Amino acid sequence: MTFVRVVVLLAGIVVLLGTANSVLTVLIVPRPATSLVVYPVLVVRTAFRRVSHLTRTYPAKDRVLALSEPVALVVLLITWLAMTMVGFTLVN
């Protein structure tokens, strides 16, 4: 194995371990969110807040913001899947 392949293998292992740590932290251990969790959720929340500022009434704002957390969960699952695929690709 060349030096580059070893570095890529180690990077893949780090990505897989980081993703596994994030999944276990969010789903099993009740602790504050890790960095992998924070960024996708913040992006979704920020987008929904900006859209909610365009509405004029409270019920309309409530309808928009009510969708933010289910969408954030789906984005988080997609992020975990993408990071797992990247990690396994680097390991291979």
PDB file of N, CA and C in Angstrom:
ATOM      1  N   MET A   1       0.838  -1.188   0.000  1.00  0.00           N
ATOM      2  CA  MET A   1       0.000   0.000   0.000  1.00  0.00           C
ATOM      3  C   MET A   1       0.875   1.241   0.000  1.00  0.00           C
ATOM      4  N   THR A   2       0.468   2.178  -0.800  1.00  0.00           N
ATOM      5  CA  THR A   2       1.202   3.432  -0.837  1.00  0.00           C
ATOM      6  C   THR A   2       0.756   4.327   0.301  1.00  0.00           C
ATOM      7  N   PHE A   3       1.520   5.380   0.502  1.00  0.00           N
ATOM      8  CA  PHE A   3       1.228   6.318   1.572  1.00  0.00           C
ATOM      9  C   PHE A   3      -0.125   6.986   1.370  1.00  0.00           C
ATOM     10  N   VAL A   4      -0.463   7.318   0.145  1.00  0.00           N
ATOM     11  CA  VAL A   4      -1.742   7.978  -0.140  1.00  0.00           C
ATOM     12  C   VAL A   4      -2.917   7.062   0.183  1.00  0.00           C
ATOM     13  N   ARG A   5      -2.794   5.797  -0.158  1.00  0.00           N
ATOM     14  CA  ARG A   5      -3.880   4.836   0.129  1.00  0.00           C
ATOM     15  C   ARG A   5      -4.082   4.661   1.634  1.00  0.00           C
ATOM     16  N   VAL A   6      -3.003   4.685   2.384  1.00  0.00           N
ATOM     17  CA  VAL A   6      -3.105   4.570   3.834  1.00  0.00           C
ATOM     18  C   VAL A   6      -3.801   5.802   4.412  1.00  0.00           C
ATOM     19  N   VAL A   7      -3.455   6.979   3.909  1.00  0.00           N
ATOM     20  CA  VAL A   7      -4.083   8.216   4.380  1.00  0.00           C
ATOM     21  C   VAL A   7      -5.574   8.218   4.043  1.00  0.00           C
ATOM     22  N   VAL A   8      -5.933   7.781   2.831  1.00  0.00           N
ATOM     23  CA  VAL A   8      -7.345   7.726   2.433  1.00  0.00           C
ATOM     24  C   VAL A   8      -8.095   6.700   3.277  1.00  0.00           C
ATOM     25  N   LEU A   9      -7.474   5.561   3.554  1.00  0.00           N
ATOM     26  CA  LEU A   9      -8.088   4.552   4.413  1.00  0.00           C
ATOM     27  C   LEU A   9      -8.347   5.106   5.812  1.00  0.00           C
ATOM     28  N   LEU A  10      -7.357   5.786   6.365  1.00  0.00           N
ATOM     29  CA  LEU A  10      -7.540   6.373   7.695  1.00  0.00           C
ATOM     30  C   LEU A  10      -8.607   7.464   7.690  1.00  0.00           C
ATOM     31  N   ALA A  11      -8.677   8.248   6.615  1.00  0.00           N
ATOM     32  CA  ALA A  11      -9.722   9.266   6.510  1.00  0.00           C
ATOM     33  C   ALA A  11     -11.101   8.619   6.462  1.00  0.00           C
ATOM     34  N   GLY A  12     -11.234   7.527   5.738  1.00  0.00           N
ATOM     35  CA  GLY A  12     -12.499   6.811   5.675  1.00  0.00           C
ATOM     36  C   GLY A  12     -12.909   6.256   7.021  1.00  0.00           C
ATOM     37  N   ILE A  13     -11.946   5.727   7.752  1.00  0.00           N
ATOM     38  CA  ILE A  13     -12.237   5.202   9.082  1.00  0.00           C
ATOM     39  C   ILE A  13     -12.680   6.323  10.018  1.00  0.00           C
ATOM     40  N   VAL A  14     -12.029   7.470   9.926  1.00  0.00           N
ATOM     41  CA  VAL A  14     -12.404   8.620  10.766  1.00  0.00           C
ATOM     42  C   VAL A  14     -13.819   9.087  10.429  1.00  0.00           C
ATOM     43  N   VAL A  15     -14.150   9.141   9.138  1.00  0.00           N
ATOM     44  CA  VAL A  15     -15.501   9.556   8.731  1.00  0.00           C
ATOM     45  C   VAL A  15     -16.538   8.568   9.250  1.00  0.00           C
ATOM     46  N   LEU A  16     -16.269   7.278   9.130  1.00  0.00           N
ATOM     47  CA  LEU A  16     -17.217   6.260   9.613  1.00  0.00           C
ATOM     48  C   LEU A  16     -17.378   6.306  11.131  1.00  0.00           C
ATOM     49  N   LEU A  17     -16.293   6.479  11.837  1.00  0.00           N
ATOM     50  CA  LEU A  17     -16.384   6.553  13.294  1.00  0.00           C
ATOM     51  C   LEU A  17     -17.107   7.827  13.744  1.00  0.00           C
ATOM     52  N   GLY A  18     -16.847   8.929  13.058  1.00  0.00           N
ATOM     53  CA  GLY A  18     -17.542  10.176  13.386  1.00  0.00           C
ATOM     54  C   GLY A  18     -19.038  10.084  13.125  1.00  0.00           C
ATOM     55  N   THR A  19     -19.404   9.438  12.028  1.00  0.00           N
ATOM     56  CA  THR A  19     -20.819   9.259  11.712  1.00  0.00           C
ATOM     57  C   THR A  19     -21.486   8.331  12.728  1.00  0.00           C
ATOM     58  N   ALA A  20     -20.820   7.243  13.066  1.00  0.00           N
ATOM     59  CA  ALA A  20     -21.372   6.321  14.059  1.00  0.00           C
ATOM     60  C   ALA A  20     -21.523   7.009  15.412  1.00  0.00           C
ATOM     61  N   ASN A  21     -20.555   7.816  15.780  1.00  0.00           N
ATOM     62  CA  ASN A  21     -20.633   8.559  17.032  1.00  0.00           C
ATOM     63  C   ASN A  21     -21.821   9.525  17.010  1.00  0.00           C
ATOM     64  N   SER A  22     -22.026  10.182  15.891  1.00  0.00           N
ATOM     65  CA  SER A  22     -23.146  11.114  15.770  1.00  0.00           C
ATOM     66  C   SER A  22     -24.484  10.395  15.882  1.00  0.00           C
ATOM     67  N   VAL A  23     -24.611   9.268  15.202  1.00  0.00           N
ATOM     68  CA  VAL A  23     -25.865   8.497  15.255  1.00  0.00           C
ATOM     69  C   VAL A  23     -26.131   8.017  16.676  1.00  0.00           C
ATOM     70  N   LEU A  24     -25.125   7.461  17.318  1.00  0.00           N
ATOM     71  CA  LEU A  24     -25.308   6.959  18.681  1.00  0.00           C
ATOM     72  C   LEU A  24     -25.606   8.088  19.658  1.00  0.00           C
ATOM     73  N   THR A  25     -24.953   9.224  19.480  1.00  0.00           N
ATOM     74  CA  THR A  25     -25.183  10.355  20.375  1.00  0.00           C
ATOM     75  C   THR A  25     -26.606  10.877  20.250  1.00  0.00           C
ATOM     76  N   VAL A  26     -27.104  10.974  19.032  1.00  0.00           N
ATOM     77  CA  VAL A  26     -28.444  11.523  18.836  1.00  0.00           C
ATOM     78  C   VAL A  26     -29.521  10.522  19.211  1.00  0.00           C
ATOM     79  N   LEU A  27     -29.378   9.280  18.819  1.00  0.00           N
ATOM     80  CA  LEU A  27     -30.456   8.316  18.989  1.00  0.00           C
ATOM     81  C   LEU A  27     -30.456   7.586  20.329  1.00  0.00           C
ATOM     82  N   ILE A  28     -29.311   7.420  20.955  1.00  0.00           N
ATOM     83  CA  ILE A  28     -29.253   6.585  22.151  1.00  0.00           C
ATOM     84  C   ILE A  28     -28.886   7.389  23.398  1.00  0.00           C
ATOM     85  N   VAL A  29     -27.809   8.132  23.340  1.00  0.00           N
ATOM     86  CA  VAL A  29     -27.309   8.818  24.525  1.00  0.00           C
ATOM     87  C   VAL A  29     -27.866  10.244  24.561  1.00  0.00           C
ATOM     88  N   PRO A  30     -28.556  10.619  25.630  1.00  0.00           N
ATOM     89  CA  PRO A  30     -29.126  11.966  25.707  1.00  0.00           C
ATOM     90  C   PRO A  30     -28.082  13.016  26.079  1.00  0.00           C
ATOM     91  N   ARG A  31     -27.335  13.459  25.096  1.00  0.00           N
ATOM     92  CA  ARG A  31     -26.311  14.487  25.289  1.00  0.00           C
ATOM     93  C   ARG A  31     -26.539  15.600  24.287  1.00  0.00           C
ATOM     94  N   PRO A  32     -25.838  16.712  24.464  1.00  0.00           N
ATOM     95  CA  PRO A  32     -25.947  17.784  23.455  1.00  0.00           C
ATOM     96  C   PRO A  32     -25.481  17.299  22.089  1.00  0.00           C
ATOM     97  N   ALA A  33     -26.002  17.928  21.066  1.00  0.00           N
ATOM     98  CA  ALA A  33     -25.728  17.508  19.689  1.00  0.00           C
ATOM     99  C   ALA A  33     -24.259  17.697  19.331  1.00  0.00           C
ATOM    100  N   THR A  34     -23.771  16.812  18.478  1.00  0.00           N
ATOM    101  CA  THR A  34     -22.401  16.914  17.979  1.00  0.00           C
ATOM    102  C   THR A  34     -22.371  17.820  16.767  1.00  0.00           C
ATOM    103  N   SER A  35     -21.176  18.114  16.291  1.00  0.00           N
ATOM    104  CA  SER A  35     -21.035  19.064  15.182  1.00  0.00           C
ATOM    105  C   SER A  35     -21.675  18.560  13.893  1.00  0.00           C
ATOM    106  N   LEU A  36     -21.635  17.249  13.660  1.00  0.00           N
ATOM    107  CA  LEU A  36     -22.243  16.701  12.448  1.00  0.00           C
ATOM    108  C   LEU A  36     -23.748  16.907  12.451  1.00  0.00           C
ATOM    109  N   VAL A  37     -24.328  16.951  13.624  1.00  0.00           N
ATOM    110  CA  VAL A  37     -25.768  17.140  13.744  1.00  0.00           C
ATOM    111  C   VAL A  37     -26.137  18.613  13.648  1.00  0.00           C
ATOM    112  N   VAL A  38     -25.316  19.464  14.184  1.00  0.00           N
ATOM    113  CA  VAL A  38     -25.667  20.875  14.317  1.00  0.00           C
ATOM    114  C   VAL A  38     -25.810  21.563  12.963  1.00  0.00           C
ATOM    115  N   TYR A  39     -24.906  21.361  12.039  1.00  0.00           N
ATOM    116  CA  TYR A  39     -24.902  22.131  10.796  1.00  0.00           C
ATOM    117  C   TYR A  39     -26.101  21.865   9.885  1.00  0.00           C
ATOM    118  N   PRO A  40     -26.454  20.618   9.583  1.00  0.00           N
ATOM    119  CA  PRO A  40     -27.637  20.422   8.735  1.00  0.00           C
ATOM    120  C   PRO A  40     -28.921  20.948   9.374  1.00  0.00           C
ATOM    121  N   VAL A  41     -29.062  20.769  10.676  1.00  0.00           N
ATOM    122  CA  VAL A  41     -30.258  21.237  11.366  1.00  0.00           C
ATOM    123  C   VAL A  41     -30.300  22.762  11.368  1.00  0.00           C
ATOM    124  N   LEU A  42     -29.160  23.406  11.582  1.00  0.00           N
ATOM    125  CA  LEU A  42     -29.121  24.872  11.554  1.00  0.00           C
ATOM    126  C   LEU A  42     -29.460  25.425  10.177  1.00  0.00           C
ATOM    127  N   VAL A  43     -29.007  24.762   9.137  1.00  0.00           N
ATOM    128  CA  VAL A  43     -29.317  25.217   7.774  1.00  0.00           C
ATOM    129  C   VAL A  43     -30.821  25.137   7.519  1.00  0.00           C
ATOM    130  N   VAL A  44     -31.425  24.035   7.927  1.00  0.00           N
ATOM    131  CA  VAL A  44     -32.875  23.870   7.725  1.00  0.00           C
ATOM    132  C   VAL A  44     -33.648  24.897   8.545  1.00  0.00           C
ATOM    133  N   ARG A  45     -33.282  25.057   9.805  1.00  0.00           N
ATOM    134  CA  ARG A  45     -33.986  26.017  10.658  1.00  0.00           C
ATOM    135  C   ARG A  45     -33.855  27.439  10.133  1.00  0.00           C
ATOM    136  N   THR A  46     -32.670  27.808   9.684  1.00  0.00           N
ATOM    137  CA  THR A  46     -32.460  29.146   9.142  1.00  0.00           C
ATOM    138  C   THR A  46     -33.307  29.368   7.894  1.00  0.00           C
ATOM    139  N   ALA A  47     -33.352  28.364   7.024  1.00  0.00           N
ATOM    140  CA  ALA A  47     -34.160  28.493   5.811  1.00  0.00           C
ATOM    141  C   ALA A  47     -35.639  28.659   6.144  1.00  0.00           C
ATOM    142  N   PHE A  48     -36.130  27.866   7.078  1.00  0.00           N
ATOM    143  CA  PHE A  48     -37.544  27.964   7.443  1.00  0.00           C
ATOM    144  C   PHE A  48     -37.859  29.275   8.163  1.00  0.00           C
ATOM    145  N   ARG A  49     -36.928  29.766   8.964  1.00  0.00           N
ATOM    146  CA  ARG A  49     -37.162  31.058   9.627  1.00  0.00           C
ATOM    147  C   ARG A  49     -37.232  32.186   8.608  1.00  0.00           C
ATOM    148  N   ARG A  50     -36.365  32.134   7.614  1.00  0.00           N
ATOM    149  CA  ARG A  50     -36.400  33.180   6.575  1.00  0.00           C
ATOM    150  C   ARG A  50     -37.705  33.130   5.792  1.00  0.00           C
ATOM    151  N   VAL A  51     -38.179  31.923   5.500  1.00  0.00           N
ATOM    152  CA  VAL A  51     -39.456  31.807   4.805  1.00  0.00           C
ATOM    153  C   VAL A  51     -40.592  32.286   5.702  1.00  0.00           C
ATOM    154  N   SER A  52     -40.506  32.005   7.002  1.00  0.00           N
ATOM    155  CA  SER A  52     -41.579  32.416   7.914  1.00  0.00           C
ATOM    156  C   SER A  52     -41.642  33.927   8.074  1.00  0.00           C
ATOM    157  N   HIS A  53     -40.536  34.618   7.868  1.00  0.00           N
ATOM    158  CA  HIS A  53     -40.553  36.086   7.939  1.00  0.00           C
ATOM    159  C   HIS A  53     -41.329  36.705   6.781  1.00  0.00           C
ATOM    160  N   LEU A  54     -41.542  35.941   5.740  1.00  0.00           N
ATOM    161  CA  LEU A  54     -42.304  36.452   4.596  1.00  0.00           C
ATOM    162  C   LEU A  54     -43.807  36.415   4.847  1.00  0.00           C
ATOM    163  N   THR A  55     -44.233  35.656   5.841  1.00  0.00           N
ATOM    164  CA  THR A  55     -45.664  35.563   6.129  1.00  0.00           C
ATOM    165  C   THR A  55     -46.080  36.714   7.040  1.00  0.00           C
ATOM    166  N   ARG A  56     -47.359  37.047   6.994  1.00  0.00           N
ATOM    167  CA  ARG A  56     -47.844  38.201   7.756  1.00  0.00           C
ATOM    168  C   ARG A  56     -48.599  37.823   9.015  1.00  0.00           C
ATOM    169  N   THR A  57     -49.214  36.668   9.034  1.00  0.00           N
ATOM    170  CA  THR A  57     -50.021  36.292  10.195  1.00  0.00           C
ATOM    171  C   THR A  57     -49.317  35.207  11.000  1.00  0.00           C
ATOM    172  N   TYR A  58     -49.686  35.141  12.263  1.00  0.00           N
ATOM    173  CA  TYR A  58     -49.104  34.121  13.130  1.00  0.00           C
ATOM    174  C   TYR A  58     -49.471  32.694  12.705  1.00  0.00           C
ATOM    175  N   PRO A  59     -50.728  32.416  12.342  1.00  0.00           N
ATOM    176  CA  PRO A  59     -51.037  31.034  11.913  1.00  0.00           C
ATOM    177  C   PRO A  59     -50.235  30.595  10.681  1.00  0.00           C
ATOM    178  N   ALA A  60     -50.011  31.509   9.754  1.00  0.00           N
ATOM    179  CA  ALA A  60     -49.206  31.154   8.578  1.00  0.00           C
ATOM    180  C   ALA A  60     -47.758  30.897   8.975  1.00  0.00           C
ATOM    181  N   LYS A  61     -47.231  31.727   9.872  1.00  0.00           N
ATOM    182  CA  LYS A  61     -45.867  31.531  10.356  1.00  0.00           C
ATOM    183  C   LYS A  61     -45.755  30.205  11.111  1.00  0.00           C
ATOM    184  N   ASP A  62     -46.773  29.875  11.883  1.00  0.00           N
ATOM    185  CA  ASP A  62     -46.787  28.618  12.629  1.00  0.00           C
ATOM    186  C   ASP A  62     -46.817  27.417  11.694  1.00  0.00           C
ATOM    187  N   ARG A  63     -47.589  27.510  10.607  1.00  0.00           N
ATOM    188  CA  ARG A  63     -47.640  26.405   9.634  1.00  0.00           C
ATOM    189  C   ARG A  63     -46.282  26.185   8.983  1.00  0.00           C
ATOM    190  N   VAL A  64     -45.593  27.272   8.671  1.00  0.00           N
ATOM    191  CA  VAL A  64     -44.276  27.147   8.033  1.00  0.00           C
ATOM    192  C   VAL A  64     -43.272  26.555   9.017  1.00  0.00           C
ATOM    193  N   LEU A  65     -43.248  27.075  10.237  1.00  0.00           N
ATOM    194  CA  LEU A  65     -42.262  26.607  11.208  1.00  0.00           C
ATOM    195  C   LEU A  65     -42.562  25.205  11.727  1.00  0.00           C
ATOM    196  N   ALA A  66     -43.803  24.768  11.652  1.00  0.00           N
ATOM    197  CA  ALA A  66     -44.153  23.416  12.103  1.00  0.00           C
ATOM    198  C   ALA A  66     -43.493  22.348  11.234  1.00  0.00           C
ATOM    199  N   LEU A  67     -43.177  22.686  10.009  1.00  0.00           N
ATOM    200  CA  LEU A  67     -42.532  21.720   9.113  1.00  0.00           C
ATOM    201  C   LEU A  67     -41.019  21.663   9.276  1.00  0.00           C
ATOM    202  N   SER A  68     -40.442  22.609   9.997  1.00  0.00           N
ATOM    203  CA  SER A  68     -38.981  22.707  10.032  1.00  0.00           C
ATOM    204  C   SER A  68     -38.321  21.496  10.691  1.00  0.00           C
ATOM    205  N   GLU A  69     -38.847  21.031  11.795  1.00  0.00           N
ATOM    206  CA  GLU A  69     -38.187  19.913  12.483  1.00  0.00           C
ATOM    207  C   GLU A  69     -38.345  18.577  11.759  1.00  0.00           C
ATOM    208  N   PRO A  70     -39.519  18.232  11.197  1.00  0.00           N
ATOM    209  CA  PRO A  70     -39.557  17.000  10.399  1.00  0.00           C
ATOM    210  C   PRO A  70     -38.607  17.041   9.202  1.00  0.00           C
ATOM    211  N   VAL A  71     -38.515  18.195   8.557  1.00  0.00           N
ATOM    212  CA  VAL A  71     -37.575  18.329   7.431  1.00  0.00           C
ATOM    213  C   VAL A  71     -36.141  18.224   7.940  1.00  0.00           C
ATOM    214  N   ALA A  72     -35.854  18.799   9.102  1.00  0.00           N
ATOM    215  CA  ALA A  72     -34.509  18.709   9.677  1.00  0.00           C
ATOM    216  C   ALA A  72     -34.137  17.257   9.977  1.00  0.00           C
ATOM    217  N   LEU A  73     -35.092  16.469  10.452  1.00  0.00           N
ATOM    218  CA  LEU A  73     -34.806  15.045  10.704  1.00  0.00           C
ATOM    219  C   LEU A  73     -34.501  14.292   9.418  1.00  0.00           C
ATOM    220  N   VAL A  74     -35.248  14.571   8.371  1.00  0.00           N
ATOM    221  CA  VAL A  74     -34.994  13.913   7.082  1.00  0.00           C
ATOM    222  C   VAL A  74     -33.625  14.334   6.544  1.00  0.00           C
ATOM    223  N   VAL A  75     -33.309  15.610   6.654  1.00  0.00           N
ATOM    224  CA  VAL A  75     -31.993  16.088   6.200  1.00  0.00           C
ATOM    225  C   VAL A  75     -30.886  15.449   7.025  1.00  0.00           C
ATOM    226  N   LEU A  76     -31.114  15.283   8.321  1.00  0.00           N
ATOM    227  CA  LEU A  76     -30.118  14.636   9.168  1.00  0.00           C
ATOM    228  C   LEU A  76     -29.911  13.177   8.761  1.00  0.00           C
ATOM    229  N   LEU A  77     -30.976  12.465   8.467  1.00  0.00           N
ATOM    230  CA  LEU A  77     -30.843  11.078   8.005  1.00  0.00           C
ATOM    231  C   LEU A  77     -30.097  11.007   6.676  1.00  0.00           C
ATOM    232  N   ILE A  78     -30.391  11.926   5.775  1.00  0.00           N
ATOM    233  CA  ILE A  78     -29.689  11.968   4.489  1.00  0.00           C
ATOM    234  C   ILE A  78     -28.213  12.279   4.701  1.00  0.00           C
ATOM    235  N   THR A  79     -27.917  13.176   5.644  1.00  0.00           N
ATOM    236  CA  THR A  79     -26.527  13.508   5.948  1.00  0.00           C
ATOM    237  C   THR A  79     -25.781  12.292   6.483  1.00  0.00           C
ATOM    238  N   TRP A  80     -26.423  11.552   7.399  1.00  0.00           N
ATOM    239  CA  TRP A  80     -25.786  10.340   7.918  1.00  0.00           C
ATOM    240  C   TRP A  80     -25.546   9.321   6.816  1.00  0.00           C
ATOM    241  N   LEU A  81     -26.512   9.144   5.935  1.00  0.00           N
ATOM    242  CA  LEU A  81     -26.357   8.200   4.828  1.00  0.00           C
ATOM    243  C   LEU A  81     -25.227   8.634   3.899  1.00  0.00           C
ATOM    244  N   ALA A  82     -25.181   9.914   3.574  1.00  0.00           N
ATOM    245  CA  ALA A  82     -24.134  10.419   2.683  1.00  0.00           C
ATOM    246  C   ALA A  82     -22.749  10.268   3.317  1.00  0.00           C
ATOM    247  N   MET A  83     -22.643  10.574   4.601  1.00  0.00           N
ATOM    248  CA  MET A  83     -21.348  10.439   5.264  1.00  0.00           C
ATOM    249  C   MET A  83     -20.916   8.978   5.356  1.00  0.00           C
ATOM    250  N   THR A  84     -21.860   8.076   5.565  1.00  0.00           N
ATOM    251  CA  THR A  84     -21.537   6.650   5.590  1.00  0.00           C
ATOM    252  C   THR A  84     -21.057   6.184   4.220  1.00  0.00           C
ATOM    253  N   MET A  85     -21.733   6.651   3.177  1.00  0.00           N
ATOM    254  CA  MET A  85     -21.311   6.269   1.820  1.00  0.00           C
ATOM    255  C   MET A  85     -19.923   6.824   1.509  1.00  0.00           C
ATOM    256  N   VAL A  86     -19.641   8.046   1.913  1.00  0.00           N
ATOM    257  CA  VAL A  86     -18.318   8.634   1.692  1.00  0.00           C
ATOM    258  C   VAL A  86     -17.269   7.834   2.463  1.00  0.00           C
ATOM    259  N   GLY A  87     -17.566   7.499   3.713  1.00  0.00           N
ATOM    260  CA  GLY A  87     -16.619   6.726   4.511  1.00  0.00           C
ATOM    261  C   GLY A  87     -16.304   5.372   3.920  1.00  0.00           C
ATOM    262  N   PHE A  88     -17.340   4.627   3.481  1.00  0.00           N
ATOM    263  CA  PHE A  88     -17.105   3.316   2.877  1.00  0.00           C
ATOM    264  C   PHE A  88     -16.390   3.444   1.527  1.00  0.00           C
ATOM    265  N   THR A  89     -16.667   4.512   0.804  1.00  0.00           N
ATOM    266  CA  THR A  89     -15.961   4.729  -0.462  1.00  0.00           C
ATOM    267  C   THR A  89     -14.484   4.964  -0.215  1.00  0.00           C
ATOM    268  N   LEU A  90     -14.161   5.729   0.810  1.00  0.00           N
ATOM    269  CA  LEU A  90     -12.757   5.981   1.125  1.00  0.00           C
ATOM    270  C   LEU A  90     -12.064   4.718   1.630  1.00  0.00           C
ATOM    271  N   VAL A  91     -12.784   3.889   2.354  1.00  0.00           N
ATOM    272  CA  VAL A  91     -12.180   2.660   2.864  1.00  0.00           C
ATOM    273  C   VAL A  91     -11.891   1.682   1.731  1.00  0.00           C
ATOM    274  N   ASN A  92     -12.811   1.633   0.764  1.00  0.00           N
ATOM    275  CA  ASN A  92     -12.600   0.738  -0.383  1.00  0.00           C
ATOM    276  C   ASN A  92     -11.512   1.303  -1.230  1.00  0.00           C
TER     277      ASN A  92
END
